[in-house]
N, C-alpha and C. Protein backbone atom coordinates (compact mmCIF):
# COMPACT_ATOMS: atom_id res chain seq x y z
N MET A 1 2.02 -11.86 20.20
CA MET A 1 2.69 -11.51 19.77
C MET A 1 4.08 -11.62 18.14
N LEU A 2 4.41 -11.94 19.43
CA LEU A 2 5.80 -12.96 18.35
C LEU A 2 5.25 -13.71 17.08
N TRP A 3 4.55 -14.70 17.78
CA TRP A 3 3.97 -15.85 17.01
C TRP A 3 3.15 -14.87 15.72
N LEU A 4 2.40 -14.29 16.09
CA LEU A 4 1.62 -13.46 14.83
C LEU A 4 3.01 -12.90 13.65
N LYS A 5 3.69 -12.22 13.81
CA LYS A 5 5.19 -12.02 13.57
C LYS A 5 5.76 -13.29 12.55
N ALA A 6 6.20 -14.24 13.63
CA ALA A 6 6.57 -15.48 13.21
C ALA A 6 6.03 -16.50 12.03
N LEU A 7 3.97 -15.81 12.01
CA LEU A 7 3.26 -16.44 10.98
C LEU A 7 3.13 -15.68 9.91
N HIS A 8 3.18 -14.42 10.55
CA HIS A 8 3.01 -13.64 9.01
C HIS A 8 4.72 -13.65 8.04
N LEU A 9 5.83 -13.71 8.68
CA LEU A 9 6.41 -13.79 8.30
C LEU A 9 7.35 -14.47 7.14
N PHE A 10 6.45 -16.21 7.68
CA PHE A 10 6.54 -17.60 7.35
C PHE A 10 5.56 -17.30 5.87
N PHE A 11 4.44 -16.67 5.77
CA PHE A 11 3.09 -17.09 5.08
C PHE A 11 3.95 -15.71 4.10
N VAL A 12 4.74 -14.91 4.01
CA VAL A 12 5.46 -13.86 3.66
C VAL A 12 6.41 -14.26 2.36
N ILE A 13 7.20 -15.30 3.15
CA ILE A 13 8.10 -16.46 2.73
C ILE A 13 7.72 -16.93 1.65
N ALA A 14 6.27 -17.90 2.06
CA ALA A 14 5.97 -19.40 1.41
C ALA A 14 5.63 -18.23 -0.04
N TRP A 15 4.38 -17.41 -0.09
CA TRP A 15 3.63 -16.51 -1.15
C TRP A 15 4.93 -15.77 -2.35
N PHE A 16 6.09 -15.56 -1.52
CA PHE A 16 6.73 -14.95 -2.50
C PHE A 16 7.76 -16.22 -3.05
N ALA A 17 8.18 -17.31 -2.81
CA ALA A 17 8.53 -18.58 -3.62
C ALA A 17 7.92 -18.48 -4.37
N GLY A 18 6.60 -18.55 -4.25
CA GLY A 18 5.91 -18.60 -5.58
C GLY A 18 5.58 -17.40 -6.08
N ILE A 19 5.88 -16.66 -6.21
CA ILE A 19 5.89 -15.26 -6.74
C ILE A 19 6.68 -15.17 -7.70
N PHE A 20 8.23 -15.23 -7.37
CA PHE A 20 9.33 -15.75 -8.07
C PHE A 20 8.92 -16.90 -8.73
N TYR A 21 8.31 -17.93 -8.61
CA TYR A 21 8.74 -18.79 -9.73
C TYR A 21 8.09 -19.07 -10.87
N LEU A 22 7.06 -18.25 -10.78
CA LEU A 22 5.56 -18.08 -11.11
C LEU A 22 5.46 -17.48 -12.63
N PRO A 23 6.48 -17.19 -12.80
CA PRO A 23 7.03 -15.93 -13.90
C PRO A 23 8.00 -16.89 -14.71
N ARG A 24 9.04 -17.54 -14.15
CA ARG A 24 9.93 -18.11 -15.35
C ARG A 24 8.74 -19.73 -15.32
N LEU A 25 8.08 -20.20 -14.75
CA LEU A 25 7.14 -20.79 -15.58
C LEU A 25 6.78 -20.67 -17.06
N PHE A 26 6.36 -19.10 -17.13
CA PHE A 26 5.47 -18.15 -18.03
C PHE A 26 6.75 -18.44 -19.19
N VAL A 27 8.22 -17.98 -18.85
CA VAL A 27 8.58 -17.81 -19.52
C VAL A 27 9.28 -18.84 -20.02
N TYR A 28 8.83 -20.33 -19.69
CA TYR A 28 10.12 -21.56 -20.13
C TYR A 28 8.35 -21.68 -21.38
N HIS A 29 7.13 -21.37 -20.61
CA HIS A 29 6.07 -21.79 -21.74
C HIS A 29 6.04 -21.03 -22.84
N ALA A 30 6.55 -19.73 -22.99
CA ALA A 30 7.06 -18.54 -24.06
C ALA A 30 8.09 -19.76 -24.79
N GLU A 31 9.08 -20.20 -24.37
CA GLU A 31 9.91 -20.28 -25.09
C GLU A 31 10.23 -21.79 -25.72
N SER A 32 8.70 -23.03 -25.08
CA SER A 32 8.73 -23.72 -25.72
C SER A 32 7.92 -23.96 -27.23
N ASP A 33 8.66 -24.88 -27.48
CA ASP A 33 7.91 -25.35 -29.19
C ASP A 33 6.75 -26.82 -28.45
N ASN A 34 7.25 -27.60 -27.75
CA ASN A 34 6.44 -28.91 -27.81
C ASN A 34 5.09 -28.35 -27.07
N THR A 35 3.91 -28.74 -27.67
CA THR A 35 2.79 -29.09 -26.86
C THR A 35 2.54 -29.46 -26.24
N ALA A 36 3.23 -30.87 -25.71
CA ALA A 36 3.53 -31.82 -24.33
C ALA A 36 4.13 -30.95 -23.20
N VAL A 37 4.79 -30.13 -23.27
CA VAL A 37 5.81 -29.49 -22.46
C VAL A 37 5.20 -28.12 -22.33
N LYS A 38 4.27 -27.38 -22.96
CA LYS A 38 3.47 -26.29 -23.09
C LYS A 38 2.26 -26.43 -22.16
N LYS A 39 1.83 -27.43 -22.38
CA LYS A 39 0.56 -28.11 -21.63
C LYS A 39 1.21 -28.37 -19.74
N GLN A 40 2.08 -29.37 -19.82
CA GLN A 40 2.76 -29.14 -18.64
C GLN A 40 2.86 -28.18 -17.44
N LEU A 41 3.34 -27.03 -18.73
CA LEU A 41 4.46 -26.21 -18.02
C LEU A 41 2.99 -25.25 -17.73
N ALA A 42 1.45 -25.18 -18.40
CA ALA A 42 0.61 -24.74 -17.63
C ALA A 42 -0.20 -25.20 -17.15
N ILE A 43 -0.16 -26.22 -16.96
CA ILE A 43 -0.94 -26.60 -15.23
C ILE A 43 -0.53 -26.42 -14.16
N MET A 44 0.97 -26.62 -14.31
CA MET A 44 1.90 -26.38 -13.48
C MET A 44 2.00 -25.35 -12.74
N ALA A 45 1.97 -24.30 -13.84
CA ALA A 45 1.51 -22.96 -13.77
C ALA A 45 0.00 -22.69 -12.74
N TYR A 46 -0.64 -22.93 -13.55
CA TYR A 46 -2.16 -23.19 -12.35
C TYR A 46 -1.99 -23.76 -11.39
N ARG A 47 -1.42 -24.90 -11.12
CA ARG A 47 -1.23 -25.40 -9.60
C ARG A 47 -1.39 -24.34 -9.10
N LEU A 48 0.60 -23.68 -9.21
CA LEU A 48 1.00 -23.42 -8.39
C LEU A 48 0.33 -21.68 -7.80
N PHE A 49 -0.17 -21.40 -8.96
CA PHE A 49 -0.99 -20.20 -8.60
C PHE A 49 -1.60 -20.16 -7.26
N TRP A 50 -2.94 -20.70 -7.71
CA TRP A 50 -3.79 -21.60 -6.36
C TRP A 50 -3.09 -22.30 -5.45
N PHE A 51 -2.00 -22.80 -5.06
CA PHE A 51 -0.95 -22.67 -4.44
C PHE A 51 -0.53 -21.93 -3.34
N ILE A 52 -0.34 -20.76 -3.87
CA ILE A 52 0.06 -19.35 -3.18
C ILE A 52 -0.67 -18.56 -2.81
N THR A 53 -2.16 -18.67 -3.23
CA THR A 53 -3.04 -17.44 -3.16
C THR A 53 -3.11 -17.74 -1.24
N PRO A 54 -4.10 -18.75 -1.39
CA PRO A 54 -3.49 -18.53 0.02
C PRO A 54 -2.60 -18.32 1.20
N PHE A 55 -1.91 -18.52 1.01
CA PHE A 55 -0.85 -17.82 1.42
C PHE A 55 -0.31 -16.47 1.48
N ALA A 56 -0.65 -15.81 0.29
CA ALA A 56 -1.03 -14.18 0.10
C ALA A 56 -2.11 -13.89 0.88
N ILE A 57 -3.55 -14.68 1.29
CA ILE A 57 -4.62 -14.09 2.02
C ILE A 57 -4.02 -14.11 3.22
N LEU A 58 -3.15 -15.53 3.48
CA LEU A 58 -2.79 -15.47 5.40
C LEU A 58 -1.85 -14.26 5.68
N THR A 59 -0.82 -13.95 4.44
CA THR A 59 -0.26 -13.07 4.56
C THR A 59 -0.21 -12.20 5.29
N LEU A 60 -1.70 -11.57 5.17
CA LEU A 60 -2.80 -9.91 4.79
C LEU A 60 -3.64 -10.67 6.04
N ILE A 61 -4.22 -11.49 6.34
CA ILE A 61 -4.71 -11.66 7.41
C ILE A 61 -3.47 -11.42 8.89
N PHE A 62 -2.38 -12.20 8.59
CA PHE A 62 -1.60 -12.58 10.13
C PHE A 62 -1.34 -10.77 9.74
N GLY A 63 -1.10 -9.76 8.74
CA GLY A 63 0.18 -8.21 8.73
C GLY A 63 -1.05 -7.84 9.55
N LEU A 64 -2.69 -7.92 9.19
CA LEU A 64 -3.72 -7.28 9.69
C LEU A 64 -3.97 -7.17 10.83
N SER A 65 -3.50 -8.81 11.44
CA SER A 65 -3.77 -9.14 12.58
C SER A 65 -2.34 -8.40 13.62
N LEU A 66 -1.15 -8.39 13.00
CA LEU A 66 -0.37 -7.45 14.39
C LEU A 66 -0.85 -5.63 14.18
N ILE A 67 -0.94 -5.62 12.97
CA ILE A 67 -1.42 -4.00 13.59
C ILE A 67 -2.63 -3.50 14.61
N PHE A 68 -3.35 -4.80 14.18
CA PHE A 68 -4.52 -4.16 15.37
C PHE A 68 -3.93 -4.99 16.52
N SER A 69 -3.19 -5.46 16.83
CA SER A 69 -2.98 -6.14 18.23
C SER A 69 -2.16 -4.91 18.51
N TYR A 70 -0.80 -4.07 17.88
CA TYR A 70 -0.14 -2.71 18.35
C TYR A 70 -1.27 -1.76 18.37
N GLY A 71 -2.37 -1.17 18.24
CA GLY A 71 -3.70 -0.72 17.99
C GLY A 71 -2.92 0.53 17.60
N MET A 72 -4.12 1.34 17.28
CA MET A 72 -3.92 2.79 16.63
C MET A 72 -2.85 3.79 16.76
N PRO A 73 -2.71 3.86 17.94
CA PRO A 73 -1.77 5.30 18.19
C PRO A 73 -0.36 4.52 17.58
N TRP A 74 -0.45 3.44 17.71
CA TRP A 74 1.23 2.85 17.07
C TRP A 74 1.03 2.67 15.55
N PHE A 75 0.00 2.63 14.89
CA PHE A 75 -0.17 2.75 13.77
C PHE A 75 -0.19 4.57 13.28
N ILE A 76 -0.87 5.16 13.70
CA ILE A 76 -0.83 6.29 13.08
C ILE A 76 0.63 6.94 13.36
N ALA A 77 1.53 6.45 14.41
CA ALA A 77 3.08 6.81 14.78
C ALA A 77 3.85 6.12 13.92
N SER A 78 3.24 4.71 13.24
CA SER A 78 4.30 4.48 12.10
C SER A 78 4.54 4.64 10.76
N HIS A 79 5.12 5.65 10.17
CA HIS A 79 5.66 6.47 9.04
C HIS A 79 5.58 5.35 7.95
N TRP A 80 6.64 4.33 8.64
CA TRP A 80 7.14 3.15 8.25
C TRP A 80 6.65 2.55 7.86
N LEU A 81 5.75 2.34 8.42
CA LEU A 81 4.34 1.04 8.05
C LEU A 81 3.86 1.83 7.15
N HIS A 82 3.12 3.08 7.17
CA HIS A 82 2.24 3.38 5.83
C HIS A 82 3.00 3.43 4.89
N LEU A 83 4.30 3.46 4.57
CA LEU A 83 4.95 3.14 3.57
C LEU A 83 4.98 1.85 2.96
N LYS A 84 5.36 0.64 3.90
CA LYS A 84 4.99 -0.76 3.57
C LYS A 84 3.76 -1.48 2.81
N LEU A 85 2.80 -0.53 3.48
CA LEU A 85 1.68 -1.17 2.78
C LEU A 85 1.41 0.26 1.79
N ALA A 86 1.42 0.68 1.82
CA ALA A 86 1.50 1.15 0.12
C ALA A 86 2.66 0.77 -0.90
N LEU A 87 3.39 -0.21 -0.64
CA LEU A 87 4.03 -0.85 -1.59
C LEU A 87 3.48 -2.18 -1.53
N VAL A 88 2.86 -2.86 -0.75
CA VAL A 88 2.01 -4.11 -0.60
C VAL A 88 1.06 -3.97 -1.07
N ILE A 89 0.40 -2.81 -1.11
CA ILE A 89 -0.65 -2.95 -1.97
C ILE A 89 -0.44 -3.42 -3.98
N PRO A 90 0.60 -2.76 -3.78
CA PRO A 90 0.95 -3.22 -5.68
C PRO A 90 1.69 -4.62 -5.34
N LEU A 91 1.46 -5.09 -4.68
CA LEU A 91 1.82 -6.39 -4.48
C LEU A 91 1.03 -7.47 -4.58
N TYR A 92 -0.17 -6.54 -3.59
CA TYR A 92 -1.52 -7.86 -4.15
C TYR A 92 -2.00 -7.75 -6.05
N ALA A 93 -1.85 -6.62 -6.78
CA ALA A 93 -1.96 -6.39 -7.68
C ALA A 93 -1.37 -6.91 -8.93
N TYR A 94 0.00 -7.02 -8.66
CA TYR A 94 0.94 -7.92 -9.50
C TYR A 94 -0.11 -9.62 -9.11
N HIS A 95 0.10 -10.06 -7.87
CA HIS A 95 -0.30 -11.01 -7.61
C HIS A 95 -1.48 -11.33 -8.55
N PHE A 96 -2.73 -10.66 -8.75
CA PHE A 96 -3.96 -10.62 -9.94
C PHE A 96 -3.35 -10.50 -11.33
N TYR A 97 -2.31 -9.81 -11.27
CA TYR A 97 -2.35 -9.77 -13.01
C TYR A 97 -1.25 -11.02 -12.55
N LEU A 98 -1.03 -11.31 -12.59
CA LEU A 98 -0.10 -13.18 -12.17
C LEU A 98 -1.18 -14.04 -13.06
N TYR A 99 -2.26 -13.74 -12.14
CA TYR A 99 -3.27 -15.07 -12.54
C TYR A 99 -4.14 -14.80 -14.29
N LYS A 100 -4.01 -12.96 -15.02
CA LYS A 100 -4.30 -12.87 -15.98
C LYS A 100 -3.55 -13.61 -16.84
N LEU A 101 -2.39 -13.63 -16.35
CA LEU A 101 -1.02 -13.92 -17.36
C LEU A 101 -0.30 -15.69 -17.35
N MET A 102 -1.70 -16.04 -15.98
CA MET A 102 -1.88 -17.53 -16.04
C MET A 102 -2.72 -18.19 -16.91
N MET A 103 -3.98 -17.50 -16.94
CA MET A 103 -5.07 -17.82 -17.63
C MET A 103 -4.69 -17.76 -18.92
N ASN A 104 -3.92 -16.96 -19.67
CA ASN A 104 -3.54 -16.70 -20.95
C ASN A 104 -2.47 -17.90 -21.62
N VAL A 105 -1.78 -18.13 -20.45
CA VAL A 105 -0.61 -19.47 -20.40
C VAL A 105 -1.65 -20.52 -20.42
N LYS A 106 -2.84 -20.87 -19.20
CA LYS A 106 -3.65 -21.68 -19.62
C LYS A 106 -4.36 -21.92 -21.48
N GLN A 107 -4.48 -21.33 -21.11
CA GLN A 107 -5.61 -21.56 -22.89
C GLN A 107 -4.50 -21.15 -23.53
N ASP A 108 -3.01 -21.09 -23.83
CA ASP A 108 -1.95 -20.98 -24.89
C ASP A 108 -1.86 -19.72 -25.42
N LYS A 109 -2.38 -18.84 -25.37
CA LYS A 109 -2.15 -17.53 -26.19
C LYS A 109 -0.78 -17.15 -25.56
N LYS A 110 -0.48 -16.26 -26.65
CA LYS A 110 0.77 -15.96 -26.60
C LYS A 110 0.73 -14.53 -26.46
N PRO A 111 0.64 -13.19 -25.65
CA PRO A 111 0.21 -12.28 -25.96
C PRO A 111 1.63 -11.37 -25.34
N HIS A 112 2.71 -12.31 -24.59
CA HIS A 112 3.80 -11.53 -24.18
C HIS A 112 5.15 -12.57 -25.12
N SER A 113 6.20 -11.95 -25.21
CA SER A 113 8.03 -12.71 -25.15
C SER A 113 8.41 -12.85 -23.89
N ALA A 114 9.15 -14.31 -24.27
CA ALA A 114 9.93 -14.61 -22.77
C ALA A 114 10.60 -13.68 -22.21
N LYS A 115 11.18 -12.27 -22.99
CA LYS A 115 11.57 -11.36 -22.31
C LYS A 115 10.77 -10.95 -21.76
N PHE A 116 9.63 -9.94 -21.61
CA PHE A 116 8.33 -9.61 -20.60
C PHE A 116 8.60 -10.56 -19.70
N TYR A 117 8.12 -11.85 -20.00
CA TYR A 117 8.55 -12.38 -18.29
C TYR A 117 9.33 -12.47 -17.75
N ARG A 118 10.39 -12.35 -17.99
CA ARG A 118 11.78 -12.37 -17.35
C ARG A 118 11.54 -10.92 -16.48
N ILE A 119 11.14 -9.94 -17.31
CA ILE A 119 11.66 -8.51 -16.97
C ILE A 119 10.22 -8.36 -15.37
N ILE A 120 9.15 -9.14 -15.84
CA ILE A 120 8.70 -8.57 -15.07
C ILE A 120 9.11 -9.96 -13.42
N ASN A 121 9.66 -11.09 -13.91
CA ASN A 121 9.71 -11.81 -12.77
C ASN A 121 10.79 -11.08 -11.94
N GLU A 122 11.65 -9.85 -12.13
CA GLU A 122 12.14 -8.96 -11.55
C GLU A 122 11.85 -8.17 -10.37
N VAL A 123 10.32 -7.30 -11.73
CA VAL A 123 9.58 -6.41 -10.04
C VAL A 123 9.51 -7.02 -8.50
N PRO A 124 8.76 -7.89 -8.06
CA PRO A 124 8.80 -8.33 -6.71
C PRO A 124 9.52 -8.18 -5.64
N VAL A 125 11.15 -8.00 -6.46
CA VAL A 125 12.81 -8.39 -5.85
C VAL A 125 12.67 -7.22 -5.15
N LEU A 126 12.51 -6.11 -6.01
CA LEU A 126 12.60 -4.41 -5.52
C LEU A 126 11.77 -4.07 -4.97
N PHE A 127 10.41 -4.99 -4.88
CA PHE A 127 9.51 -4.20 -3.99
C PHE A 127 9.54 -5.23 -2.63
N LEU A 128 10.13 -6.39 -3.05
CA LEU A 128 10.35 -6.81 -1.10
C LEU A 128 11.60 -6.57 -0.77
N PHE A 129 12.50 -6.17 -1.36
CA PHE A 129 13.83 -5.81 -0.76
C PHE A 129 13.32 -3.85 0.14
N ALA A 130 12.55 -3.48 -0.64
CA ALA A 130 12.36 -2.79 -0.11
C ALA A 130 10.95 -2.31 1.28
N ILE A 131 10.24 -3.31 1.06
CA ILE A 131 9.32 -3.54 2.24
C ILE A 131 10.53 -3.94 3.76
N VAL A 132 11.21 -5.17 3.31
CA VAL A 132 11.59 -5.51 4.23
C VAL A 132 13.15 -4.62 4.75
N ALA A 133 13.75 -3.57 4.32
CA ALA A 133 14.27 -2.22 4.64
C ALA A 133 13.31 -1.71 5.20
N LEU A 134 12.45 -0.97 5.48
CA LEU A 134 11.15 -0.86 6.10
C LEU A 134 10.51 -1.17 6.67
N ALA A 135 10.61 -2.70 7.30
CA ALA A 135 9.99 -3.19 8.69
C ALA A 135 11.27 -3.44 9.46
N VAL A 136 12.71 -3.71 9.24
CA VAL A 136 13.90 -3.96 9.87
C VAL A 136 13.96 -3.14 10.37
N VAL A 137 14.41 -1.43 9.38
CA VAL A 137 15.01 -0.41 9.77
C VAL A 137 14.22 0.52 10.08
N LYS A 138 12.94 0.24 10.12
CA LYS A 138 11.94 2.01 10.50
C LYS A 138 12.83 3.13 10.12
N PHE A 139 13.18 3.80 8.77
CA PHE A 139 13.95 4.60 8.84
C PHE A 139 12.96 5.60 8.54
N ILE A 140 11.82 5.86 8.63
CA ILE A 140 10.88 6.85 7.67
C ILE A 140 10.35 7.11 9.47
């Protein structure tokens, strides 16, 4: 059980490291006028997205493994977990939205400003705070 928790946490941290950095690459791409720099940033964003996607999948696998290990009665009684899962679902949607944005960057489309990318870069911070608080304090 502790190994499942450790692996789940490891992959959450690795996934979030990428989720925090990927929109920064979009910011730099939107701000750059240099074609070579934009091309390099697009490559970096593409590689980073595909590097962190397995971490997102493994986060899900080990998280579900923990739930199944604890059993259905525990799951039903753990109201904090229901809220945590309700917050995790939009994070996966956000991950797929980053894919869409990454493909725009790769194709050198410029549908958004650097300010937009800065704002969406902050979104996962709020979710992470709430999820960690729920998992540690279990206040619901």
